[in-house]
PDB file of N, CA and C in Angstrom:
ATOM      1  N   LEU A   1    -103.745-169.799 -27.048  1.00  0.00           N
ATOM      2  CA  LEU A   1    -103.360-169.936 -25.659  1.00  0.00           C
ATOM      3  C   LEU A   1    -102.031-169.231 -25.392  1.00  0.00           C
ATOM      4  N   LEU A   2    -101.087-169.374 -26.307  1.00  0.00           N
ATOM      5  CA  LEU A   2     -99.806-168.693 -26.128  1.00  0.00           C
ATOM      6  C   LEU A   2     -99.993-167.181 -26.175  1.00  0.00           C
ATOM      7  N   ALA A   3    -100.774-166.709 -27.121  1.00  0.00           N
ATOM      8  CA  ALA A   3    -101.003-165.271 -27.248  1.00  0.00           C
ATOM      9  C   ALA A   3    -101.675-164.694 -26.010  1.00  0.00           C
ATOM     10  N   ASN A   4    -102.458-165.498 -25.340  1.00  0.00           N
ATOM     11  CA  ASN A   4    -103.145-165.063 -24.122  1.00  0.00           C
ATOM     12  C   ASN A   4    -102.356-165.392 -22.859  1.00  0.00           C
ATOM     13  N   ARG A   5    -101.133-165.864 -23.032  1.00  0.00           N
ATOM     14  CA  ARG A   5    -100.240-166.191 -21.914  1.00  0.00           C
ATOM     15  C   ARG A   5    -100.826-167.256 -20.981  1.00  0.00           C
ATOM     16  N   GLN A   6    -101.550-168.160 -21.569  1.00  0.00           N
ATOM     17  CA  GLN A   6    -102.081-169.297 -20.821  1.00  0.00           C
ATOM     18  C   GLN A   6    -101.096-170.449 -21.002  1.00  0.00           C
ATOM     19  N   TRP A   7     -99.955-170.275 -20.360  1.00  0.00           N
ATOM     20  CA  TRP A   7     -98.807-171.133 -20.598  1.00  0.00           C
ATOM     21  C   TRP A   7     -99.062-172.604 -20.288  1.00  0.00           C
ATOM     22  N   ALA A   8     -99.620-172.920 -19.136  1.00  0.00           N
ATOM     23  CA  ALA A   8     -99.840-174.317 -18.753  1.00  0.00           C
ATOM     24  C   ALA A   8    -100.840-174.989 -19.692  1.00  0.00           C
ATOM     25  N   GLU A   9    -101.892-174.270 -20.047  1.00  0.00           N
ATOM     26  CA  GLU A   9    -102.876-174.824 -20.968  1.00  0.00           C
ATOM     27  C   GLU A   9    -102.260-175.048 -22.350  1.00  0.00           C
ATOM     28  N   ALA A  10    -101.424-174.091 -22.763  1.00  0.00           N
ATOM     29  CA  ALA A  10    -100.739-174.233 -24.049  1.00  0.00           C
ATOM     30  C   ALA A  10     -99.795-175.427 -24.033  1.00  0.00           C
ATOM     31  N   GLU A  11     -99.081-175.595 -22.923  1.00  0.00           N
ATOM     32  CA  GLU A  11     -98.172-176.743 -22.802  1.00  0.00           C
ATOM     33  C   GLU A  11     -98.932-178.047 -23.001  1.00  0.00           C
ATOM     34  N   LYS A  12    -100.045-178.174 -22.333  1.00  0.00           N
ATOM     35  CA  LYS A  12    -100.839-179.398 -22.443  1.00  0.00           C
ATOM     36  C   LYS A  12    -101.310-179.622 -23.876  1.00  0.00           C
ATOM     37  N   ALA A  13    -101.866-178.593 -24.492  1.00  0.00           N
ATOM     38  CA  ALA A  13    -102.364-178.712 -25.863  1.00  0.00           C
ATOM     39  C   ALA A  13    -101.232-179.014 -26.844  1.00  0.00           C
ATOM     40  N   LEU A  14    -100.088-178.367 -26.663  1.00  0.00           N
ATOM     41  CA  LEU A  14     -98.979-178.555 -27.586  1.00  0.00           C
ATOM     42  C   LEU A  14     -98.332-179.920 -27.451  1.00  0.00           C
ATOM     43  N   THR A  15     -98.218-180.433 -26.230  1.00  0.00           N
ATOM     44  CA  THR A  15     -97.635-181.769 -26.092  1.00  0.00           C
ATOM     45  C   THR A  15     -98.568-182.812 -26.713  1.00  0.00           C
ATOM     46  N   GLU A  16     -99.866-182.589 -26.597  1.00  0.00           N
ATOM     47  CA  GLU A  16    -100.819-183.490 -27.260  1.00  0.00           C
ATOM     48  C   GLU A  16    -100.709-183.349 -28.779  1.00  0.00           C
ATOM     49  N   ALA A  17    -100.609-182.119 -29.244  1.00  0.00           N
ATOM     50  CA  ALA A  17    -100.466-181.879 -30.685  1.00  0.00           C
ATOM     51  C   ALA A  17     -99.189-182.515 -31.222  1.00  0.00           C
ATOM     52  N   LEU A  18     -98.126-182.469 -30.434  1.00  0.00           N
ATOM     53  CA  LEU A  18     -96.865-183.059 -30.882  1.00  0.00           C
ATOM     54  C   LEU A  18     -96.977-184.577 -30.986  1.00  0.00           C
ATOM     55  N   THR A  19     -97.676-185.195 -30.057  1.00  0.00           N
ATOM     56  CA  THR A  19     -97.896-186.639 -30.131  1.00  0.00           C
ATOM     57  C   THR A  19     -98.627-186.996 -31.423  1.00  0.00           C
ATOM     58  N   ILE A  20     -99.654-186.241 -31.735  1.00  0.00           N
ATOM     59  CA  ILE A  20    -100.426-186.479 -32.960  1.00  0.00           C
ATOM     60  C   ILE A  20     -99.565-186.220 -34.192  1.00  0.00           C
ATOM     61  N   ALA A  21     -98.820-185.124 -34.181  1.00  0.00           N
ATOM     62  CA  ALA A  21     -97.974-184.781 -35.328  1.00  0.00           C
ATOM     63  C   ALA A  21     -96.902-185.841 -35.567  1.00  0.00           C
ATOM     64  N   ARG A  22     -96.323-186.376 -34.502  1.00  0.00           N
ATOM     65  CA  ARG A  22     -95.289-187.416 -34.644  1.00  0.00           C
ATOM     66  C   ARG A  22     -95.877-188.700 -35.236  1.00  0.00           C
ATOM     67  N   GLN A  23     -97.140-188.976 -34.944  1.00  0.00           N
ATOM     68  CA  GLN A  23     -97.792-190.143 -35.545  1.00  0.00           C
ATOM     69  C   GLN A  23     -97.991-189.915 -37.044  1.00  0.00           C
ATOM     70  N   ARG A  24     -98.371-188.702 -37.388  1.00  0.00           N
ATOM     71  CA  ARG A  24     -98.623-188.379 -38.794  1.00  0.00           C
ATOM     72  C   ARG A  24     -97.326-188.209 -39.584  1.00  0.00           C
ATOM     73  N   TYR A  25     -96.333-187.627 -38.966  1.00  0.00           N
ATOM     74  CA  TYR A  25     -95.031-187.377 -39.592  1.00  0.00           C
ATOM     75  C   TYR A  25     -93.954-188.034 -38.735  1.00  0.00           C
ATOM     76  N   PRO A  26     -93.729-189.332 -38.890  1.00  0.00           N
ATOM     77  CA  PRO A  26     -92.816-190.057 -37.992  1.00  0.00           C
ATOM     78  C   PRO A  26     -91.344-189.647 -38.112  1.00  0.00           C
ATOM     79  N   GLY A  27     -90.953-189.154 -39.243  1.00  0.00           N
ATOM     80  CA  GLY A  27     -89.560-188.734 -39.415  1.00  0.00           C
ATOM     81  C   GLY A  27     -89.409-187.248 -39.149  1.00  0.00           C
ATOM     82  N   PRO A  28     -88.199-186.740 -39.259  1.00  0.00           N
ATOM     83  CA  PRO A  28     -88.003-185.302 -39.087  1.00  0.00           C
ATOM     84  C   PRO A  28     -88.878-184.513 -40.062  1.00  0.00           C
ATOM     85  N   ASN A  29     -89.499-183.466 -39.548  1.00  0.00           N
ATOM     86  CA  ASN A  29     -90.438-182.688 -40.353  1.00  0.00           C
ATOM     87  C   ASN A  29     -90.513-181.282 -39.771  1.00  0.00           C
ATOM     88  N   TRP A  30     -90.657-180.273 -40.625  1.00  0.00           N
ATOM     89  CA  TRP A  30     -90.725-178.899 -40.127  1.00  0.00           C
ATOM     90  C   TRP A  30     -91.960-178.682 -39.268  1.00  0.00           C
ATOM     91  N   ARG A  31     -93.036-179.430 -39.519  1.00  0.00           N
ATOM     92  CA  ARG A  31     -94.259-179.247 -38.735  1.00  0.00           C
ATOM     93  C   ARG A  31     -94.057-179.672 -37.279  1.00  0.00           C
ATOM     94  N   THR A  32     -93.438-180.821 -37.085  1.00  0.00           N
ATOM     95  CA  THR A  32     -93.184-181.268 -35.715  1.00  0.00           C
ATOM     96  C   THR A  32     -92.139-180.380 -35.047  1.00  0.00           C
ATOM     97  N   ALA A  33     -91.188-179.886 -35.827  1.00  0.00           N
ATOM     98  CA  ALA A  33     -90.179-178.971 -35.280  1.00  0.00           C
ATOM     99  C   ALA A  33     -90.845-177.696 -34.776  1.00  0.00           C
ATOM    100  N   GLU A  34     -91.804-177.197 -35.522  1.00  0.00           N
ATOM    101  CA  GLU A  34     -92.507-175.984 -35.108  1.00  0.00           C
ATOM    102  C   GLU A  34     -93.290-176.204 -33.820  1.00  0.00           C
ATOM    103  N   VAL A  35     -93.967-177.340 -33.709  1.00  0.00           N
ATOM    104  CA  VAL A  35     -94.724-177.628 -32.493  1.00  0.00           C
ATOM    105  C   VAL A  35     -93.771-177.777 -31.303  1.00  0.00           C
ATOM    106  N   ALA A  36     -92.637-178.412 -31.501  1.00  0.00           N
ATOM    107  CA  ALA A  36     -91.654-178.547 -30.416  1.00  0.00           C
ATOM    108  C   ALA A  36     -91.177-177.175 -29.961  1.00  0.00           C
ATOM    109  N   SER A  37     -90.912-176.287 -30.900  1.00  0.00           N
ATOM    110  CA  SER A  37     -90.467-174.940 -30.549  1.00  0.00           C
ATOM    111  C   SER A  37     -91.543-174.169 -29.790  1.00  0.00           C
ATOM    112  N   LEU A  38     -92.775-174.307 -30.223  1.00  0.00           N
ATOM    113  CA  LEU A  38     -93.874-173.642 -29.516  1.00  0.00           C
ATOM    114  C   LEU A  38     -94.052-174.216 -28.112  1.00  0.00           C
ATOM    115  N   THR A  39     -93.807-175.501 -27.964  1.00  0.00           N
ATOM    116  CA  THR A  39     -93.858-176.111 -26.640  1.00  0.00           C
ATOM    117  C   THR A  39     -92.774-175.490 -25.752  1.00  0.00           C
ATOM    118  N   GLY A  40     -91.618-175.243 -26.319  1.00  0.00           N
ATOM    119  CA  GLY A  40     -90.560-174.560 -25.576  1.00  0.00           C
ATOM    120  C   GLY A  40     -90.992-173.183 -25.120  1.00  0.00           C
ATOM    121  N   LEU A  41     -91.719-172.477 -25.960  1.00  0.00           N
ATOM    122  CA  LEU A  41     -92.232-171.169 -25.582  1.00  0.00           C
ATOM    123  C   LEU A  41     -93.197-171.277 -24.397  1.00  0.00           C
ATOM    124  N   ALA A  42     -94.026-172.305 -24.400  1.00  0.00           N
ATOM    125  CA  ALA A  42     -94.962-172.515 -23.286  1.00  0.00           C
ATOM    126  C   ALA A  42     -94.205-172.769 -21.985  1.00  0.00           C
ATOM    127  N   PHE A  43     -93.143-173.534 -22.043  1.00  0.00           N
ATOM    128  CA  PHE A  43     -92.327-173.771 -20.850  1.00  0.00           C
ATOM    129  C   PHE A  43     -91.630-172.481 -20.407  1.00  0.00           C
ATOM    130  N   ALA A  44     -91.110-171.725 -21.352  1.00  0.00           N
ATOM    131  CA  ALA A  44     -90.440-170.468 -21.022  1.00  0.00           C
ATOM    132  C   ALA A  44     -91.401-169.512 -20.329  1.00  0.00           C
ATOM    133  N   GLY A  45     -92.626-169.447 -20.807  1.00  0.00           N
ATOM    134  CA  GLY A  45     -93.618-168.575 -20.201  1.00  0.00           C
ATOM    135  C   GLY A  45     -93.930-168.937 -18.764  1.00  0.00           C
ATOM    136  N   GLN A  46     -93.694-170.187 -18.419  1.00  0.00           N
ATOM    137  CA  GLN A  46     -93.926-170.653 -17.052  1.00  0.00           C
ATOM    138  C   GLN A  46     -92.674-170.509 -16.189  1.00  0.00           C
ATOM    139  N   GLY A  47     -91.610-169.960 -16.765  1.00  0.00           N
ATOM    140  CA  GLY A  47     -90.374-169.800 -16.020  1.00  0.00           C
ATOM    141  C   GLY A  47     -89.576-171.081 -15.886  1.00  0.00           C
ATOM    142  N   ARG A  48     -89.848-172.049 -16.736  1.00  0.00           N
ATOM    143  CA  ARG A  48     -89.177-173.346 -16.691  1.00  0.00           C
ATOM    144  C   ARG A  48     -88.097-173.377 -17.772  1.00  0.00           C
ATOM    145  N   ALA A  49     -87.020-172.637 -17.501  1.00  0.00           N
ATOM    146  CA  ALA A  49     -85.987-172.381 -18.505  1.00  0.00           C
ATOM    147  C   ALA A  49     -85.299-173.640 -19.024  1.00  0.00           C
ATOM    148  N   ALA A  50     -84.972-174.568 -18.153  1.00  0.00           N
ATOM    149  CA  ALA A  50     -84.258-175.771 -18.594  1.00  0.00           C
ATOM    150  C   ALA A  50     -85.115-176.594 -19.549  1.00  0.00           C
ATOM    151  N   GLU A  51     -86.379-176.761 -19.208  1.00  0.00           N
ATOM    152  CA  GLU A  51     -87.282-177.513 -20.098  1.00  0.00           C
ATOM    153  C   GLU A  51     -87.514-176.751 -21.391  1.00  0.00           C
ATOM    154  N   ALA A  52     -87.651-175.432 -21.293  1.00  0.00           N
ATOM    155  CA  ALA A  52     -87.832-174.619 -22.493  1.00  0.00           C
ATOM    156  C   ALA A  52     -86.647-174.788 -23.432  1.00  0.00           C
ATOM    157  N   ALA A  53     -85.452-174.744 -22.880  1.00  0.00           N
ATOM    158  CA  ALA A  53     -84.243-174.888 -23.700  1.00  0.00           C
ATOM    159  C   ALA A  53     -84.207-176.239 -24.404  1.00  0.00           C
ATOM    160  N   GLN A  54     -84.609-177.290 -23.711  1.00  0.00           N
ATOM    161  CA  GLN A  54     -84.617-178.622 -24.326  1.00  0.00           C
ATOM    162  C   GLN A  54     -85.574-178.670 -25.506  1.00  0.00           C
ATOM    163  N   TRP A  55     -86.780-178.135 -25.327  1.00  0.00           N
ATOM    164  CA  TRP A  55     -87.775-178.158 -26.404  1.00  0.00           C
ATOM    165  C   TRP A  55     -87.359-177.263 -27.559  1.00  0.00           C
ATOM    166  N   LEU A  56     -86.819-176.090 -27.249  1.00  0.00           N
ATOM    167  CA  LEU A  56     -86.367-175.199 -28.311  1.00  0.00           C
ATOM    168  C   LEU A  56     -85.222-175.820 -29.099  1.00  0.00           C
ATOM    169  N   ARG A  57     -84.320-176.513 -28.420  1.00  0.00           N
ATOM    170  CA  ARG A  57     -83.212-177.193 -29.099  1.00  0.00           C
ATOM    171  C   ARG A  57     -83.744-178.314 -29.986  1.00  0.00           C
ATOM    172  N   LYS A  58     -84.728-179.082 -29.475  1.00  0.00           N
ATOM    173  CA  LYS A  58     -85.324-180.145 -30.299  1.00  0.00           C
ATOM    174  C   LYS A  58     -85.908-179.558 -31.578  1.00  0.00           C
ATOM    175  N   GLY A  59     -86.653-178.481 -31.432  1.00  0.00           N
ATOM    176  CA  GLY A  59     -87.252-177.838 -32.601  1.00  0.00           C
ATOM    177  C   GLY A  59     -86.203-177.348 -33.577  1.00  0.00           C
ATOM    178  N   TYR A  60     -85.179-176.685 -33.068  1.00  0.00           N
ATOM    179  CA  TYR A  60     -84.123-176.170 -33.921  1.00  0.00           C
ATOM    180  C   TYR A  60     -83.386-177.297 -34.639  1.00  0.00           C
ATOM    181  N   ASP A  61     -83.002-178.317 -33.890  1.00  0.00           N
ATOM    182  CA  ASP A  61     -82.264-179.430 -34.494  1.00  0.00           C
ATOM    183  C   ASP A  61     -83.073-180.115 -35.579  1.00  0.00           C
ATOM    184  N   GLU A  62     -84.360-180.278 -35.335  1.00  0.00           N
ATOM    185  CA  GLU A  62     -85.193-180.958 -36.327  1.00  0.00           C
ATOM    186  C   GLU A  62     -85.370-180.104 -37.577  1.00  0.00           C
ATOM    187  N   VAL A  63     -85.631-178.827 -37.405  1.00  0.00           N
ATOM    188  CA  VAL A  63     -85.808-177.967 -38.586  1.00  0.00           C
ATOM    189  C   VAL A  63     -84.491-177.857 -39.354  1.00  0.00           C
ATOM    190  N   ALA A  64     -83.375-177.819 -38.641  1.00  0.00           N
ATOM    191  CA  ALA A  64     -82.073-177.761 -39.311  1.00  0.00           C
ATOM    192  C   ALA A  64     -81.803-179.026 -40.102  1.00  0.00           C
ATOM    193  N   ALA A  65     -82.366-180.148 -39.669  1.00  0.00           N
ATOM    194  CA  ALA A  65     -82.167-181.419 -40.368  1.00  0.00           C
ATOM    195  C   ALA A  65     -82.983-181.516 -41.653  1.00  0.00           C
ATOM    196  N   VAL A  66     -84.074-180.766 -41.736  1.00  0.00           N
ATOM    197  CA  VAL A  66     -84.953-180.944 -42.899  1.00  0.00           C
ATOM    198  C   VAL A  66     -84.972-179.756 -43.866  1.00  0.00           C
ATOM    199  N   LEU A  67     -84.513-178.609 -43.425  1.00  0.00           N
ATOM    200  CA  LEU A  67     -84.503-177.455 -44.309  1.00  0.00           C
ATOM    201  C   LEU A  67     -83.073-177.067 -44.642  1.00  0.00           C
ATOM    202  N   PRO A  68     -82.829-176.584 -45.856  1.00  0.00           N
ATOM    203  CA  PRO A  68     -81.464-176.192 -46.202  1.00  0.00           C
ATOM    204  C   PRO A  68     -81.015-174.985 -45.378  1.00  0.00           C
ATOM    205  N   ALA A  69     -79.720-174.858 -45.200  1.00  0.00           N
ATOM    206  CA  ALA A  69     -79.156-173.796 -44.363  1.00  0.00           C
ATOM    207  C   ALA A  69     -79.573-172.401 -44.839  1.00  0.00           C
ATOM    208  N   GLN A  70     -79.750-172.213 -46.140  1.00  0.00           N
ATOM    209  CA  GLN A  70     -80.096-170.903 -46.662  1.00  0.00           C
ATOM    210  C   GLN A  70     -81.601-170.609 -46.627  1.00  0.00           C
ATOM    211  N   HIS A  71     -82.386-171.526 -46.087  1.00  0.00           N
ATOM    212  CA  HIS A  71     -83.837-171.315 -46.000  1.00  0.00           C
ATOM    213  C   HIS A  71     -84.154-170.141 -45.071  1.00  0.00           C
ATOM    214  N   PRO A  72     -85.050-169.259 -45.492  1.00  0.00           N
ATOM    215  CA  PRO A  72     -85.351-168.093 -44.651  1.00  0.00           C
ATOM    216  C   PRO A  72     -86.084-168.497 -43.383  1.00  0.00           C
TER     217      PRO A  72
END
């Protein structure tokens, strides 16, 4: 959906995926961080910059919490 620029559809699918991922991985996890970041991309594609920034920050903060600083 993201590759096809179907931003609203991607947003819906990703927020659902994040709910499922948070149930499976309740603590900080790179998988949930990735989904949060992709959700930010879906918001950005819709021109919703403030929401995109929030989701991208959530993804970044979570991945920074679980991966070492030198991780590629």
